[in-house]
Amino acid sequence: MYGPAVHYEYIARAAAEMPCPVLANGNVSSAQGAAEILRMTGAQGLMIGRGAIRNPWLFHQIRQYQRGESLFSPRGIDVLFYVRTLYEAVGFPNGNENAHVQKMKKYMNYLGLGVEPTGQFLHQIRRVAARSEFFRVCEEFLNHDQPMPLEPFSQAPKEGLALPPSMACKSIL
């Protein structure tokens, strides 16, 4: 969906050569993934975008992972509350309902990758035009008490997502 591919080896090179702290960025979608990116790159921290829209608990989960604690896993109702809160937070007073729903559908493109594996949530949410339809679909898929890790269900392997074997075993300088 986004391009070009993330080249963690370039981040690793920058982290090794720069006199200032370097932050890694790109496809951070889980606490375990965050730890792996930091390990691979030697970066001092992370910048997280789409992963945080999909999972606003991600920062907390990363800290839990670093401390060796069990990770919080939101339930469907937690995610539904998040969607409702986000809907209110990004809206304009007396704004156009259709425009607001369209804006929310953009956020749902990120969230939807971690809602269910068949793509039905995204299929249905992309076709709504009104607030009532939007929340009907959200409630259908999120109004439950089951844990939702919110990691993307399927990610095709993307070129450049890991250090090449030749760089993993030797210095990048």
C-alpha atoms as a PDB file:
ATOM      1  CA  MET A   1       0.000   0.000   0.000  1.00  0.00           C
ATOM      2  CA  TYR A   2       2.854   2.347   0.837  1.00  0.00           C
ATOM      3  CA  GLY A   3       6.090   2.621  -0.985  1.00  0.00           C
ATOM      4  CA  PRO A   4       8.921   2.475  -1.351  1.00  0.00           C
ATOM      5  CA  ALA A   5       9.789  -0.474   0.849  1.00  0.00           C
ATOM      6  CA  VAL A   6      11.346   0.171   4.239  1.00  0.00           C
ATOM      7  CA  HIS A   7      15.107  -0.298   4.125  1.00  0.00           C
ATOM      8  CA  TYR A   8      16.109  -0.968   7.697  1.00  0.00           C
ATOM      9  CA  GLU A   9      19.698  -1.488   6.596  1.00  0.00           C
ATOM     10  CA  TYR A  10      19.904   2.227   5.752  1.00  0.00           C
ATOM     11  CA  ILE A  11      18.565   3.126   9.181  1.00  0.00           C
ATOM     12  CA  ALA A  12      21.144   0.781  10.707  1.00  0.00           C
ATOM     13  CA  ARG A  13      23.910   2.473   8.732  1.00  0.00           C
ATOM     14  CA  ALA A  14      22.725   5.921   9.867  1.00  0.00           C
ATOM     15  CA  ALA A  15      22.476   4.778  13.499  1.00  0.00           C
ATOM     16  CA  ALA A  16      26.025   3.410  13.350  1.00  0.00           C
ATOM     17  CA  GLU A  17      27.558   6.465  11.672  1.00  0.00           C
ATOM     18  CA  MET A  18      25.669   9.491  13.014  1.00  0.00           C
ATOM     19  CA  PRO A  19      26.852  11.294  16.158  1.00  0.00           C
ATOM     20  CA  CYS A  20      23.217  12.004  17.145  1.00  0.00           C
ATOM     21  CA  PRO A  21      20.411   9.610  18.084  1.00  0.00           C
ATOM     22  CA  VAL A  22      18.612   8.064  15.104  1.00  0.00           C
ATOM     23  CA  LEU A  23      14.956   7.031  15.114  1.00  0.00           C
ATOM     24  CA  ALA A  24      13.666   4.126  13.034  1.00  0.00           C
ATOM     25  CA  ASN A  25      10.392   4.342  11.167  1.00  0.00           C
ATOM     26  CA  GLY A  26       8.311   2.050   9.012  1.00  0.00           C
ATOM     27  CA  ASN A  27       5.780  -0.732   9.474  1.00  0.00           C
ATOM     28  CA  VAL A  28       5.789  -0.864  13.273  1.00  0.00           C
ATOM     29  CA  SER A  29       2.642  -2.823  14.089  1.00  0.00           C
ATOM     30  CA  SER A  30       3.445  -4.740  17.283  1.00  0.00           C
ATOM     31  CA  ALA A  31       5.573  -4.584  20.392  1.00  0.00           C
ATOM     32  CA  GLN A  32       7.577  -7.576  19.198  1.00  0.00           C
ATOM     33  CA  GLY A  33       8.074  -5.948  15.799  1.00  0.00           C
ATOM     34  CA  ALA A  34       9.218  -2.734  17.465  1.00  0.00           C
ATOM     35  CA  ALA A  35      11.828  -4.632  19.482  1.00  0.00           C
ATOM     36  CA  GLU A  36      13.045  -6.413  16.352  1.00  0.00           C
ATOM     37  CA  ILE A  37      13.355  -3.148  14.407  1.00  0.00           C
ATOM     38  CA  LEU A  38      15.337  -1.565  17.252  1.00  0.00           C
ATOM     39  CA  ARG A  39      17.560  -4.647  17.436  1.00  0.00           C
ATOM     40  CA  MET A  40      18.165  -4.744  13.659  1.00  0.00           C
ATOM     41  CA  THR A  41      18.845  -1.052  13.265  1.00  0.00           C
ATOM     42  CA  GLY A  42      20.516  -0.017  16.510  1.00  0.00           C
ATOM     43  CA  ALA A  43      18.236   3.037  16.481  1.00  0.00           C
ATOM     44  CA  GLN A  44      17.620   4.888  19.742  1.00  0.00           C
ATOM     45  CA  GLY A  45      13.852   5.024  19.272  1.00  0.00           C
ATOM     46  CA  LEU A  46      10.919   4.670  16.923  1.00  0.00           C
ATOM     47  CA  MET A  47       8.491   6.850  15.040  1.00  0.00           C
ATOM     48  CA  ILE A  48       5.125   5.169  14.660  1.00  0.00           C
ATOM     49  CA  GLY A  49       2.321   6.349  12.374  1.00  0.00           C
ATOM     50  CA  ARG A  50      -0.212   3.952  10.865  1.00  0.00           C
ATOM     51  CA  GLY A  51       0.452   1.325  13.532  1.00  0.00           C
ATOM     52  CA  ALA A  52      -0.630   3.788  16.220  1.00  0.00           C
ATOM     53  CA  ILE A  53      -3.803   4.663  14.325  1.00  0.00           C
ATOM     54  CA  ARG A  54      -4.631   0.956  14.131  1.00  0.00           C
ATOM     55  CA  ASN A  55      -3.635   0.322  17.732  1.00  0.00           C
ATOM     56  CA  PRO A  56      -3.472   3.343  20.064  1.00  0.00           C
ATOM     57  CA  TRP A  57      -2.331   0.970  22.829  1.00  0.00           C
ATOM     58  CA  LEU A  58       0.839   0.152  20.872  1.00  0.00           C
ATOM     59  CA  PHE A  59       3.093   2.533  22.827  1.00  0.00           C
ATOM     60  CA  HIS A  60       1.943   1.033  26.127  1.00  0.00           C
ATOM     61  CA  GLN A  61       2.426  -2.483  24.736  1.00  0.00           C
ATOM     62  CA  ILE A  62       5.976  -1.642  23.630  1.00  0.00           C
ATOM     63  CA  ARG A  63       6.842  -0.445  27.144  1.00  0.00           C
ATOM     64  CA  GLN A  64       5.272  -3.599  28.620  1.00  0.00           C
ATOM     65  CA  TYR A  65       7.304  -5.766  26.237  1.00  0.00           C
ATOM     66  CA  GLN A  66      10.522  -3.951  27.163  1.00  0.00           C
ATOM     67  CA  ARG A  67       9.805  -4.603  30.860  1.00  0.00           C
ATOM     68  CA  GLY A  68       8.997  -8.268  30.213  1.00  0.00           C
ATOM     69  CA  GLU A  69       5.355  -7.858  31.242  1.00  0.00           C
ATOM     70  CA  SER A  70       2.374  -9.516  29.602  1.00  0.00           C
ATOM     71  CA  LEU A  71       0.916  -7.297  26.914  1.00  0.00           C
ATOM     72  CA  PHE A  72      -2.445  -5.588  27.157  1.00  0.00           C
ATOM     73  CA  SER A  73      -4.743  -6.881  24.437  1.00  0.00           C
ATOM     74  CA  PRO A  74      -7.758  -4.672  23.744  1.00  0.00           C
ATOM     75  CA  ARG A  75     -11.132  -6.333  23.390  1.00  0.00           C
ATOM     76  CA  GLY A  76     -13.580  -5.539  20.632  1.00  0.00           C
ATOM     77  CA  ILE A  77     -15.509  -3.185  22.902  1.00  0.00           C
ATOM     78  CA  ASP A  78     -12.282  -1.280  23.690  1.00  0.00           C
ATOM     79  CA  VAL A  79     -11.679  -0.830  19.974  1.00  0.00           C
ATOM     80  CA  LEU A  80     -15.291   0.265  19.451  1.00  0.00           C
ATOM     81  CA  PHE A  81     -14.868   2.864  22.215  1.00  0.00           C
ATOM     82  CA  TYR A  82     -11.671   4.056  20.494  1.00  0.00           C
ATOM     83  CA  VAL A  83     -13.513   4.407  17.168  1.00  0.00           C
ATOM     84  CA  ARG A  84     -16.305   6.384  18.839  1.00  0.00           C
ATOM     85  CA  THR A  85     -13.781   8.634  20.599  1.00  0.00           C
ATOM     86  CA  LEU A  86     -11.830   9.145  17.365  1.00  0.00           C
ATOM     87  CA  TYR A  87     -15.053   9.967  15.507  1.00  0.00           C
ATOM     88  CA  GLU A  88     -15.821  12.728  18.001  1.00  0.00           C
ATOM     89  CA  ALA A  89     -12.229  13.987  18.179  1.00  0.00           C
ATOM     90  CA  VAL A  90     -11.721  14.535  14.444  1.00  0.00           C
ATOM     91  CA  GLY A  91     -15.160  15.954  13.694  1.00  0.00           C
ATOM     92  CA  PHE A  92     -16.036  19.559  13.029  1.00  0.00           C
ATOM     93  CA  PRO A  93     -18.880  21.212  14.935  1.00  0.00           C
ATOM     94  CA  ASN A  94     -21.846  21.533  12.581  1.00  0.00           C
ATOM     95  CA  GLY A  95     -19.817  19.785   9.892  1.00  0.00           C
ATOM     96  CA  ASN A  96     -21.064  17.785   6.948  1.00  0.00           C
ATOM     97  CA  GLU A  97     -21.908  14.240   8.101  1.00  0.00           C
ATOM     98  CA  ASN A  98     -20.925  12.606   4.828  1.00  0.00           C
ATOM     99  CA  ALA A  99     -17.555  14.383   4.789  1.00  0.00           C
ATOM    100  CA  HIS A 100     -16.925  13.302   8.361  1.00  0.00           C
ATOM    101  CA  VAL A 101     -17.773   9.674   7.575  1.00  0.00           C
ATOM    102  CA  GLN A 102     -15.444   9.817   4.565  1.00  0.00           C
ATOM    103  CA  LYS A 103     -12.652  11.084   6.816  1.00  0.00           C
ATOM    104  CA  MET A 104     -13.258   8.262   9.303  1.00  0.00           C
ATOM    105  CA  LYS A 105     -13.138   5.695   6.507  1.00  0.00           C
ATOM    106  CA  LYS A 106      -9.518   6.738   5.907  1.00  0.00           C
ATOM    107  CA  TYR A 107      -8.674   5.869   9.510  1.00  0.00           C
ATOM    108  CA  MET A 108     -10.579   2.616   9.202  1.00  0.00           C
ATOM    109  CA  ASN A 109      -8.323   1.584   6.319  1.00  0.00           C
ATOM    110  CA  TYR A 110      -5.522   1.278   8.900  1.00  0.00           C
ATOM    111  CA  LEU A 111      -7.610  -0.162  11.723  1.00  0.00           C
ATOM    112  CA  GLY A 112      -9.455  -2.580   9.457  1.00  0.00           C
ATOM    113  CA  LEU A 113      -6.324  -4.577   8.635  1.00  0.00           C
ATOM    114  CA  GLY A 114      -6.385  -5.867  12.206  1.00  0.00           C
ATOM    115  CA  VAL A 115     -10.132  -6.304  12.742  1.00  0.00           C
ATOM    116  CA  GLU A 116     -10.818  -9.605  10.987  1.00  0.00           C
ATOM    117  CA  PRO A 117      -9.026 -11.737   8.391  1.00  0.00           C
ATOM    118  CA  THR A 118     -11.597 -11.924   5.568  1.00  0.00           C
ATOM    119  CA  GLY A 119     -11.635  -8.236   4.679  1.00  0.00           C
ATOM    120  CA  GLN A 120     -15.397  -7.982   5.233  1.00  0.00           C
ATOM    121  CA  PHE A 121     -15.050  -5.166   7.757  1.00  0.00           C
ATOM    122  CA  LEU A 122     -13.128  -3.033   5.274  1.00  0.00           C
ATOM    123  CA  HIS A 123     -15.422  -4.048   2.420  1.00  0.00           C
ATOM    124  CA  GLN A 124     -18.491  -2.927   4.347  1.00  0.00           C
ATOM    125  CA  ILE A 125     -17.038   0.181   5.999  1.00  0.00           C
ATOM    126  CA  ARG A 126     -15.796   1.522   2.653  1.00  0.00           C
ATOM    127  CA  ARG A 127     -19.375   1.538   1.347  1.00  0.00           C
ATOM    128  CA  VAL A 128     -21.076   3.500   4.122  1.00  0.00           C
ATOM    129  CA  ALA A 129     -22.117   7.118   3.671  1.00  0.00           C
ATOM    130  CA  ALA A 130     -23.864   8.046   6.913  1.00  0.00           C
ATOM    131  CA  ARG A 131     -22.929   8.035  10.597  1.00  0.00           C
ATOM    132  CA  SER A 132     -25.610   5.453  11.400  1.00  0.00           C
ATOM    133  CA  GLU A 133     -24.288   3.068   8.724  1.00  0.00           C
ATOM    134  CA  PHE A 134     -20.718   3.641   9.872  1.00  0.00           C
ATOM    135  CA  PHE A 135     -21.475   2.694  13.471  1.00  0.00           C
ATOM    136  CA  ARG A 136     -23.751  -0.187  12.451  1.00  0.00           C
ATOM    137  CA  VAL A 137     -20.786  -1.808  10.681  1.00  0.00           C
ATOM    138  CA  CYS A 138     -18.400  -0.973  13.526  1.00  0.00           C
ATOM    139  CA  GLU A 139     -20.756  -2.473  16.092  1.00  0.00           C
ATOM    140  CA  GLU A 140     -21.272  -5.597  13.985  1.00  0.00           C
ATOM    141  CA  PHE A 141     -17.546  -6.321  14.003  1.00  0.00           C
ATOM    142  CA  LEU A 142     -16.375  -4.735  17.267  1.00  0.00           C
ATOM    143  CA  ASN A 143     -19.186  -5.065  19.807  1.00  0.00           C
ATOM    144  CA  HIS A 144     -17.740  -8.140  21.537  1.00  0.00           C
ATOM    145  CA  ASP A 145     -15.540  -9.031  24.475  1.00  0.00           C
ATOM    146  CA  GLN A 146     -12.898 -11.037  22.568  1.00  0.00           C
ATOM    147  CA  PRO A 147      -9.243  -9.925  22.523  1.00  0.00           C
ATOM    148  CA  MET A 148      -8.093  -8.105  19.398  1.00  0.00           C
ATOM    149  CA  PRO A 149      -4.313  -7.886  18.888  1.00  0.00           C
ATOM    150  CA  LEU A 150      -4.913  -5.422  16.007  1.00  0.00           C
ATOM    151  CA  GLU A 151      -1.892  -6.594  14.064  1.00  0.00           C
ATOM    152  CA  PRO A 152      -2.488  -6.858  10.325  1.00  0.00           C
ATOM    153  CA  PHE A 153      -3.873 -10.301   9.517  1.00  0.00           C
ATOM    154  CA  SER A 154      -1.984 -10.652   6.276  1.00  0.00           C
ATOM    155  CA  GLN A 155       0.996  -8.782   5.079  1.00  0.00           C
ATOM    156  CA  ALA A 156       2.599  -9.989   1.931  1.00  0.00           C
ATOM    157  CA  PRO A 157       6.353 -10.075   2.371  1.00  0.00           C
ATOM    158  CA  LYS A 158       7.746  -6.779   1.186  1.00  0.00           C
ATOM    159  CA  GLU A 159      11.140  -6.270  -0.286  1.00  0.00           C
ATOM    160  CA  GLY A 160      13.547  -4.508   2.013  1.00  0.00           C
ATOM    161  CA  LEU A 161      11.797  -5.242   5.314  1.00  0.00           C
ATOM    162  CA  ALA A 162      14.751  -6.963   6.917  1.00  0.00           C
ATOM    163  CA  LEU A 163      18.492  -6.729   6.875  1.00  0.00           C
ATOM    164  CA  PRO A 164      19.922  -8.855   4.092  1.00  0.00           C
ATOM    165  CA  PRO A 165      21.739 -11.959   5.413  1.00  0.00           C
ATOM    166  CA  SER A 166      25.034 -10.517   4.200  1.00  0.00           C
ATOM    167  CA  MET A 167      24.583  -7.498   6.493  1.00  0.00           C
ATOM    168  CA  ALA A 168      23.184  -9.372   9.484  1.00  0.00           C
ATOM    169  CA  CYS A 169      26.493 -11.123  10.145  1.00  0.00           C
ATOM    170  CA  LYS A 170      29.008  -8.339   9.581  1.00  0.00           C
ATOM    171  CA  SER A 171      29.525  -4.704  10.316  1.00  0.00           C
ATOM    172  CA  ILE A 172      27.611  -2.234   8.185  1.00  0.00           C
ATOM    173  CA  LEU A 173      30.424   0.307   8.144  1.00  0.00           C
END
